[in-house]
Amino acid sequence: MNILVLHGINLNMFGKRDPAQYGTATLAEIDQQLQTLGADLDADVACFQSNCEGAMVERIHQAHTDGTDALLINAGAWTHYSYGIRDALAILTIPIIEVHMSNIHAREAFRHESVLAPIVRGQICGFGVDSYLLGLRAAITLVDSASG
């Protein structure tokens, strides 16, 4: 099973950026935890981060044909306004899980809206790194239930 994890704009700054909201884990540490859990659950986890919206869209397009079975995405600020990323994700026929380290619904009003939410299977937010780990477990469960 192949799971793709996409990290959006500014998320390369985890560990440095607003620890009160995002904790102190770095992106590399989050990726390592995801890959370790994936291996424990018999899934290969590939991680990709970009601050360039076009590069993110290109990676989503690649997932359409590269054997990706499910996708986790924390699009960062793009969550709230990127119709380009939303449209790229909508092309996929695999389960998509939206994750956020902070509870976007308890923050500034502009963060309450996710343009991705209507096209993803579910949204997990507010649990720090565990949001990613819970999202990975959900994605694996969805793939297993569809194939079994």
N, C-alpha and C. Protein backbone atom coordinates (compact mmCIF):
# COMPACT_ATOMS: atom_id res chain seq x y z
N MET A 1 0.85 -1.18 0.00
CA MET A 1 0.00 0.00 0.00
C MET A 1 0.89 1.23 0.00
N ASN A 2 0.56 2.19 -0.84
CA ASN A 2 1.35 3.42 -0.98
C ASN A 2 0.51 4.62 -0.54
N ILE A 3 1.01 5.32 0.47
CA ILE A 3 0.34 6.50 1.00
C ILE A 3 1.22 7.71 0.73
N LEU A 4 0.64 8.75 0.19
CA LEU A 4 1.35 10.01 -0.06
C LEU A 4 0.90 11.04 0.96
N VAL A 5 1.86 11.71 1.58
CA VAL A 5 1.59 12.78 2.53
C VAL A 5 2.10 14.08 1.93
N LEU A 6 1.21 15.04 1.78
CA LEU A 6 1.56 16.34 1.21
C LEU A 6 1.52 17.41 2.30
N HIS A 7 2.61 18.16 2.39
CA HIS A 7 2.73 19.27 3.34
C HIS A 7 2.81 20.55 2.52
N GLY A 8 1.94 21.49 2.81
CA GLY A 8 1.86 22.71 2.03
C GLY A 8 2.76 23.84 2.51
N ILE A 9 2.35 25.00 2.12
CA ILE A 9 3.12 26.23 2.28
C ILE A 9 3.45 26.51 3.75
N ASN A 10 4.69 26.85 4.00
CA ASN A 10 5.24 27.21 5.31
C ASN A 10 5.40 26.05 6.28
N LEU A 11 4.98 24.85 5.90
CA LEU A 11 5.04 23.75 6.85
C LEU A 11 6.47 23.21 7.02
N ASN A 12 7.36 23.60 6.15
CA ASN A 12 8.77 23.29 6.35
C ASN A 12 9.32 24.02 7.57
N MET A 13 8.56 24.95 8.11
CA MET A 13 8.98 25.73 9.28
C MET A 13 8.45 25.14 10.59
N PHE A 14 7.81 23.98 10.54
CA PHE A 14 7.41 23.33 11.79
C PHE A 14 8.64 23.19 12.69
N GLY A 15 8.44 23.38 13.96
CA GLY A 15 9.53 23.35 14.92
C GLY A 15 10.07 24.72 15.23
N LYS A 16 9.86 25.66 14.31
CA LYS A 16 10.29 27.05 14.48
C LYS A 16 9.10 28.00 14.52
N ARG A 17 8.05 27.63 13.83
CA ARG A 17 6.89 28.51 13.63
C ARG A 17 5.87 28.33 14.75
N ASP A 18 5.59 29.36 15.49
CA ASP A 18 4.51 29.41 16.48
C ASP A 18 4.32 28.10 17.24
N PRO A 19 5.27 27.76 18.12
CA PRO A 19 5.17 26.49 18.86
C PRO A 19 3.90 26.35 19.68
N ALA A 20 3.26 27.46 20.09
CA ALA A 20 2.02 27.36 20.84
C ALA A 20 0.92 26.72 20.00
N GLN A 21 0.93 26.97 18.69
CA GLN A 21 -0.08 26.39 17.78
C GLN A 21 0.37 25.04 17.21
N TYR A 22 1.67 24.94 16.89
CA TYR A 22 2.13 23.81 16.09
C TYR A 22 3.08 22.87 16.82
N GLY A 23 3.43 23.18 18.06
CA GLY A 23 4.36 22.33 18.78
C GLY A 23 5.79 22.55 18.34
N THR A 24 6.67 21.67 18.76
CA THR A 24 8.09 21.83 18.47
C THR A 24 8.65 20.77 17.53
N ALA A 25 7.83 19.84 17.09
CA ALA A 25 8.29 18.81 16.16
C ALA A 25 8.62 19.45 14.82
N THR A 26 9.73 19.02 14.23
CA THR A 26 10.10 19.49 12.90
C THR A 26 9.38 18.66 11.84
N LEU A 27 9.38 19.16 10.62
CA LEU A 27 8.77 18.42 9.53
C LEU A 27 9.47 17.07 9.34
N ALA A 28 10.79 17.06 9.46
CA ALA A 28 11.53 15.80 9.32
C ALA A 28 11.11 14.80 10.39
N GLU A 29 10.87 15.27 11.60
CA GLU A 29 10.43 14.38 12.68
C GLU A 29 9.02 13.85 12.42
N ILE A 30 8.16 14.71 11.90
CA ILE A 30 6.80 14.27 11.56
C ILE A 30 6.86 13.22 10.46
N ASP A 31 7.64 13.47 9.43
CA ASP A 31 7.78 12.50 8.34
C ASP A 31 8.31 11.17 8.86
N GLN A 32 9.28 11.22 9.75
CA GLN A 32 9.85 9.98 10.31
C GLN A 32 8.79 9.20 11.08
N GLN A 33 8.00 9.90 11.88
CA GLN A 33 6.94 9.22 12.63
C GLN A 33 5.91 8.58 11.69
N LEU A 34 5.58 9.29 10.62
CA LEU A 34 4.65 8.74 9.64
C LEU A 34 5.22 7.50 8.96
N GLN A 35 6.47 7.56 8.58
CA GLN A 35 7.09 6.42 7.90
C GLN A 35 7.24 5.22 8.84
N THR A 36 7.53 5.49 10.10
CA THR A 36 7.63 4.40 11.08
C THR A 36 6.27 3.74 11.29
N LEU A 37 5.23 4.55 11.50
CA LEU A 37 3.89 3.99 11.67
C LEU A 37 3.45 3.26 10.40
N GLY A 38 3.74 3.85 9.25
CA GLY A 38 3.40 3.20 7.99
C GLY A 38 4.03 1.82 7.89
N ALA A 39 5.31 1.72 8.22
CA ALA A 39 5.99 0.42 8.17
C ALA A 39 5.35 -0.57 9.13
N ASP A 40 4.97 -0.10 10.32
CA ASP A 40 4.30 -0.97 11.29
C ASP A 40 2.96 -1.48 10.76
N LEU A 41 2.32 -0.71 9.89
CA LEU A 41 1.00 -1.06 9.35
C LEU A 41 1.09 -1.57 7.91
N ASP A 42 2.29 -1.94 7.47
CA ASP A 42 2.52 -2.48 6.12
C ASP A 42 2.16 -1.52 4.99
N ALA A 43 2.50 -0.26 5.20
CA ALA A 43 2.27 0.75 4.16
C ALA A 43 3.55 1.53 3.93
N ASP A 44 3.81 1.84 2.68
CA ASP A 44 4.93 2.73 2.32
C ASP A 44 4.40 4.15 2.34
N VAL A 45 5.09 5.03 3.04
CA VAL A 45 4.68 6.41 3.16
C VAL A 45 5.72 7.30 2.48
N ALA A 46 5.28 8.05 1.48
CA ALA A 46 6.13 9.04 0.81
C ALA A 46 5.65 10.42 1.23
N CYS A 47 6.59 11.31 1.52
CA CYS A 47 6.24 12.65 1.98
C CYS A 47 6.80 13.69 1.01
N PHE A 48 6.03 14.75 0.81
CA PHE A 48 6.42 15.82 -0.11
C PHE A 48 5.97 17.15 0.49
N GLN A 49 6.88 18.13 0.47
CA GLN A 49 6.54 19.48 0.93
C GLN A 49 6.95 20.47 -0.14
N SER A 50 6.13 21.49 -0.34
CA SER A 50 6.48 22.57 -1.24
C SER A 50 5.84 23.87 -0.79
N ASN A 51 6.55 24.97 -1.05
CA ASN A 51 6.00 26.30 -0.85
C ASN A 51 5.52 26.89 -2.18
N CYS A 52 5.57 26.10 -3.23
CA CYS A 52 5.14 26.53 -4.57
C CYS A 52 3.86 25.78 -4.95
N GLU A 53 2.80 26.53 -5.12
CA GLU A 53 1.50 25.92 -5.41
C GLU A 53 1.54 25.06 -6.66
N GLY A 54 2.22 25.51 -7.69
CA GLY A 54 2.32 24.73 -8.92
C GLY A 54 3.01 23.40 -8.71
N ALA A 55 4.06 23.37 -7.90
CA ALA A 55 4.76 22.12 -7.61
C ALA A 55 3.84 21.16 -6.85
N MET A 56 3.02 21.71 -5.96
CA MET A 56 2.08 20.87 -5.22
C MET A 56 1.05 20.27 -6.17
N VAL A 57 0.54 21.07 -7.09
CA VAL A 57 -0.43 20.57 -8.06
C VAL A 57 0.21 19.49 -8.94
N GLU A 58 1.44 19.70 -9.37
CA GLU A 58 2.14 18.70 -10.18
C GLU A 58 2.29 17.39 -9.42
N ARG A 59 2.60 17.46 -8.12
CA ARG A 59 2.76 16.23 -7.32
C ARG A 59 1.41 15.53 -7.16
N ILE A 60 0.35 16.29 -7.01
CA ILE A 60 -0.99 15.69 -6.95
C ILE A 60 -1.31 14.99 -8.27
N HIS A 61 -1.00 15.62 -9.38
CA HIS A 61 -1.23 15.01 -10.69
C HIS A 61 -0.46 13.69 -10.80
N GLN A 62 0.77 13.67 -10.33
CA GLN A 62 1.59 12.46 -10.37
C GLN A 62 0.91 11.33 -9.60
N ALA A 63 0.25 11.65 -8.49
CA ALA A 63 -0.42 10.64 -7.67
C ALA A 63 -1.54 9.94 -8.44
N HIS A 64 -2.02 10.56 -9.48
CA HIS A 64 -3.10 9.97 -10.28
C HIS A 64 -2.64 8.70 -10.99
N THR A 65 -1.33 8.60 -11.27
CA THR A 65 -0.85 7.48 -12.07
C THR A 65 0.31 6.70 -11.45
N ASP A 66 0.78 7.09 -10.27
CA ASP A 66 2.01 6.48 -9.74
C ASP A 66 1.78 5.37 -8.71
N GLY A 67 0.55 4.90 -8.57
CA GLY A 67 0.29 3.82 -7.63
C GLY A 67 -0.04 4.27 -6.22
N THR A 68 -0.28 5.55 -6.04
CA THR A 68 -0.70 6.05 -4.73
C THR A 68 -2.09 5.51 -4.41
N ASP A 69 -2.23 4.92 -3.22
CA ASP A 69 -3.51 4.33 -2.81
C ASP A 69 -4.36 5.26 -1.96
N ALA A 70 -3.73 6.20 -1.28
CA ALA A 70 -4.45 7.18 -0.45
C ALA A 70 -3.53 8.37 -0.24
N LEU A 71 -4.11 9.50 0.13
CA LEU A 71 -3.36 10.74 0.26
C LEU A 71 -3.78 11.47 1.53
N LEU A 72 -2.79 11.94 2.27
CA LEU A 72 -3.01 12.85 3.39
C LEU A 72 -2.51 14.21 2.95
N ILE A 73 -3.24 15.26 3.28
CA ILE A 73 -2.77 16.60 2.93
C ILE A 73 -3.01 17.57 4.07
N ASN A 74 -1.94 18.29 4.40
CA ASN A 74 -2.02 19.50 5.22
C ASN A 74 -1.57 20.60 4.27
N ALA A 75 -2.50 21.30 3.71
CA ALA A 75 -2.18 22.30 2.70
C ALA A 75 -1.76 23.63 3.30
N GLY A 76 -1.72 23.72 4.64
CA GLY A 76 -1.38 25.00 5.26
C GLY A 76 -2.39 26.05 4.84
N ALA A 77 -1.92 27.26 4.61
CA ALA A 77 -2.81 28.37 4.26
C ALA A 77 -3.57 28.12 2.95
N TRP A 78 -3.03 27.28 2.07
CA TRP A 78 -3.74 26.98 0.83
C TRP A 78 -5.09 26.34 1.11
N THR A 79 -5.25 25.72 2.27
CA THR A 79 -6.51 25.10 2.67
C THR A 79 -7.68 26.05 2.48
N HIS A 80 -7.43 27.32 2.73
CA HIS A 80 -8.51 28.29 2.83
C HIS A 80 -8.83 29.01 1.53
N TYR A 81 -7.98 28.83 0.49
CA TYR A 81 -8.26 29.59 -0.72
C TYR A 81 -7.78 28.96 -2.03
N SER A 82 -7.06 27.84 -2.00
CA SER A 82 -6.49 27.33 -3.24
C SER A 82 -7.46 26.42 -3.99
N TYR A 83 -8.15 27.02 -4.92
CA TYR A 83 -9.03 26.23 -5.78
C TYR A 83 -8.23 25.40 -6.77
N GLY A 84 -7.00 25.82 -7.06
CA GLY A 84 -6.14 25.02 -7.93
C GLY A 84 -5.78 23.69 -7.29
N ILE A 85 -5.41 23.72 -6.02
CA ILE A 85 -5.11 22.47 -5.31
C ILE A 85 -6.38 21.66 -5.13
N ARG A 86 -7.48 22.31 -4.82
CA ARG A 86 -8.76 21.60 -4.68
C ARG A 86 -9.11 20.88 -5.98
N ASP A 87 -9.01 21.58 -7.09
CA ASP A 87 -9.35 20.97 -8.38
C ASP A 87 -8.42 19.81 -8.72
N ALA A 88 -7.14 19.94 -8.40
CA ALA A 88 -6.20 18.85 -8.65
C ALA A 88 -6.56 17.63 -7.81
N LEU A 89 -6.88 17.85 -6.54
CA LEU A 89 -7.28 16.74 -5.67
C LEU A 89 -8.56 16.08 -6.16
N ALA A 90 -9.48 16.87 -6.70
CA ALA A 90 -10.77 16.34 -7.16
C ALA A 90 -10.61 15.37 -8.32
N ILE A 91 -9.50 15.42 -9.01
CA ILE A 91 -9.24 14.48 -10.11
C ILE A 91 -9.00 13.07 -9.58
N LEU A 92 -8.46 12.98 -8.37
CA LEU A 92 -8.09 11.68 -7.80
C LEU A 92 -9.33 10.88 -7.41
N THR A 93 -9.21 9.56 -7.50
CA THR A 93 -10.29 8.66 -7.11
C THR A 93 -9.94 7.88 -5.85
N ILE A 94 -8.85 8.23 -5.21
CA ILE A 94 -8.39 7.56 -3.99
C ILE A 94 -8.86 8.32 -2.76
N PRO A 95 -8.86 7.69 -1.59
CA PRO A 95 -9.22 8.42 -0.36
C PRO A 95 -8.24 9.55 -0.08
N ILE A 96 -8.79 10.69 0.30
CA ILE A 96 -7.99 11.87 0.67
C ILE A 96 -8.43 12.28 2.07
N ILE A 97 -7.44 12.44 2.94
CA ILE A 97 -7.69 12.86 4.31
C ILE A 97 -7.00 14.21 4.51
N GLU A 98 -7.75 15.20 4.99
CA GLU A 98 -7.20 16.52 5.29
C GLU A 98 -6.78 16.55 6.76
N VAL A 99 -5.56 16.98 7.04
CA VAL A 99 -5.07 17.04 8.42
C VAL A 99 -4.51 18.42 8.72
N HIS A 100 -4.61 18.80 9.98
CA HIS A 100 -4.03 20.05 10.47
C HIS A 100 -3.54 19.84 11.88
N MET A 101 -2.38 20.39 12.20
CA MET A 101 -1.82 20.28 13.55
C MET A 101 -2.70 21.03 14.55
N SER A 102 -3.13 22.23 14.19
CA SER A 102 -3.96 23.04 15.10
C SER A 102 -5.43 22.83 14.76
N ASN A 103 -6.29 23.26 15.66
CA ASN A 103 -7.73 23.20 15.41
C ASN A 103 -8.10 24.45 14.62
N ILE A 104 -8.22 24.31 13.31
CA ILE A 104 -8.47 25.47 12.46
C ILE A 104 -9.82 26.11 12.76
N HIS A 105 -10.72 25.38 13.38
CA HIS A 105 -12.05 25.92 13.69
C HIS A 105 -12.07 26.75 14.97
N ALA A 106 -10.98 26.71 15.72
CA ALA A 106 -10.88 27.48 16.96
C ALA A 106 -9.90 28.65 16.82
N ARG A 107 -9.52 28.95 15.61
CA ARG A 107 -8.55 30.00 15.35
C ARG A 107 -9.22 31.18 14.66
N GLU A 108 -8.43 31.98 13.97
CA GLU A 108 -8.94 33.16 13.28
C GLU A 108 -10.04 32.74 12.30
N ALA A 109 -11.01 33.64 12.11
CA ALA A 109 -12.18 33.33 11.29
C ALA A 109 -11.81 32.87 9.88
N PHE A 110 -10.76 33.45 9.28
CA PHE A 110 -10.42 33.06 7.90
C PHE A 110 -9.95 31.61 7.82
N ARG A 111 -9.51 31.04 8.95
CA ARG A 111 -9.04 29.65 8.96
C ARG A 111 -10.19 28.64 9.11
N HIS A 112 -11.38 29.11 9.41
CA HIS A 112 -12.50 28.19 9.63
C HIS A 112 -12.97 27.53 8.34
N GLU A 113 -12.78 28.18 7.22
CA GLU A 113 -13.23 27.66 5.94
C GLU A 113 -12.13 26.84 5.28
N SER A 114 -12.46 25.64 4.85
CA SER A 114 -11.56 24.81 4.07
C SER A 114 -12.20 24.57 2.71
N VAL A 115 -11.54 25.02 1.64
CA VAL A 115 -12.07 24.76 0.30
C VAL A 115 -11.86 23.30 -0.09
N LEU A 116 -11.03 22.58 0.69
CA LEU A 116 -10.77 21.16 0.43
C LEU A 116 -11.84 20.26 1.05
N ALA A 117 -12.42 20.71 2.16
CA ALA A 117 -13.32 19.85 2.94
C ALA A 117 -14.42 19.17 2.12
N PRO A 118 -15.05 19.83 1.17
CA PRO A 118 -16.13 19.16 0.43
C PRO A 118 -15.68 17.98 -0.44
N ILE A 119 -14.38 17.87 -0.72
CA ILE A 119 -13.94 16.79 -1.61
C ILE A 119 -13.09 15.73 -0.92
N VAL A 120 -12.80 15.91 0.38
CA VAL A 120 -12.00 14.91 1.10
C VAL A 120 -12.92 13.97 1.86
N ARG A 121 -12.39 12.79 2.22
CA ARG A 121 -13.18 11.82 2.99
C ARG A 121 -13.40 12.28 4.42
N GLY A 122 -12.42 13.00 4.97
CA GLY A 122 -12.54 13.48 6.34
C GLY A 122 -11.45 14.46 6.67
N GLN A 123 -11.63 15.11 7.81
CA GLN A 123 -10.70 16.14 8.27
C GLN A 123 -10.35 15.84 9.73
N ILE A 124 -9.07 15.86 10.03
CA ILE A 124 -8.59 15.64 11.40
C ILE A 124 -7.75 16.85 11.77
N CYS A 125 -8.10 17.53 12.85
CA CYS A 125 -7.35 18.72 13.23
C CYS A 125 -7.33 18.90 14.74
N GLY A 126 -6.28 19.58 15.19
CA GLY A 126 -6.20 19.96 16.59
C GLY A 126 -5.41 19.03 17.48
N PHE A 127 -4.81 18.01 16.94
CA PHE A 127 -4.11 17.02 17.75
C PHE A 127 -2.60 17.02 17.55
N GLY A 128 -2.07 18.11 17.00
CA GLY A 128 -0.63 18.18 16.77
C GLY A 128 -0.18 17.10 15.81
N VAL A 129 0.97 16.51 16.08
CA VAL A 129 1.50 15.46 15.22
C VAL A 129 0.53 14.29 15.12
N ASP A 130 -0.22 14.04 16.19
CA ASP A 130 -1.18 12.94 16.15
C ASP A 130 -2.25 13.13 15.08
N SER A 131 -2.51 14.36 14.64
CA SER A 131 -3.44 14.56 13.53
C SER A 131 -2.95 13.80 12.29
N TYR A 132 -1.66 13.89 12.04
CA TYR A 132 -1.09 13.15 10.90
C TYR A 132 -1.19 11.64 11.12
N LEU A 133 -0.84 11.19 12.31
CA LEU A 133 -0.83 9.75 12.59
C LEU A 133 -2.24 9.17 12.55
N LEU A 134 -3.21 9.90 13.08
CA LEU A 134 -4.60 9.47 12.99
C LEU A 134 -5.07 9.46 11.53
N GLY A 135 -4.65 10.47 10.77
CA GLY A 135 -4.98 10.52 9.36
C GLY A 135 -4.41 9.34 8.59
N LEU A 136 -3.18 8.96 8.92
CA LEU A 136 -2.57 7.81 8.26
C LEU A 136 -3.34 6.54 8.58
N ARG A 137 -3.71 6.36 9.84
CA ARG A 137 -4.50 5.18 10.22
C ARG A 137 -5.84 5.16 9.47
N ALA A 138 -6.48 6.31 9.36
CA ALA A 138 -7.75 6.39 8.64
C ALA A 138 -7.57 6.05 7.17
N ALA A 139 -6.53 6.57 6.56
CA ALA A 139 -6.29 6.30 5.14
C ALA A 139 -6.06 4.81 4.90
N ILE A 140 -5.26 4.19 5.75
CA ILE A 140 -4.99 2.74 5.60
C ILE A 140 -6.28 1.94 5.78
N THR A 141 -7.09 2.31 6.75
CA THR A 141 -8.36 1.62 6.97
C THR A 141 -9.26 1.75 5.75
N LEU A 142 -9.31 2.94 5.15
CA LEU A 142 -10.14 3.15 3.97
C LEU A 142 -9.67 2.30 2.80
N VAL A 143 -8.36 2.24 2.59
CA VAL A 143 -7.83 1.43 1.49
C VAL A 143 -8.10 -0.05 1.74
N ASP A 144 -7.85 -0.50 2.99
CA ASP A 144 -8.10 -1.91 3.32
C ASP A 144 -9.55 -2.28 3.12
N SER A 145 -10.47 -1.42 3.55
CA SER A 145 -11.89 -1.75 3.44
C SER A 145 -12.35 -1.76 1.98
N ALA A 146 -11.71 -0.94 1.15
CA ALA A 146 -12.08 -0.92 -0.28
C ALA A 146 -11.56 -2.14 -1.02
N SER A 147 -10.45 -2.70 -0.54
CA SER A 147 -9.84 -3.83 -1.26
C SER A 147 -10.21 -5.17 -0.67
N GLY A 148 -10.85 -5.15 0.48
CA GLY A 148 -11.05 -6.43 1.13
C GLY A 148 -12.42 -6.88 1.27
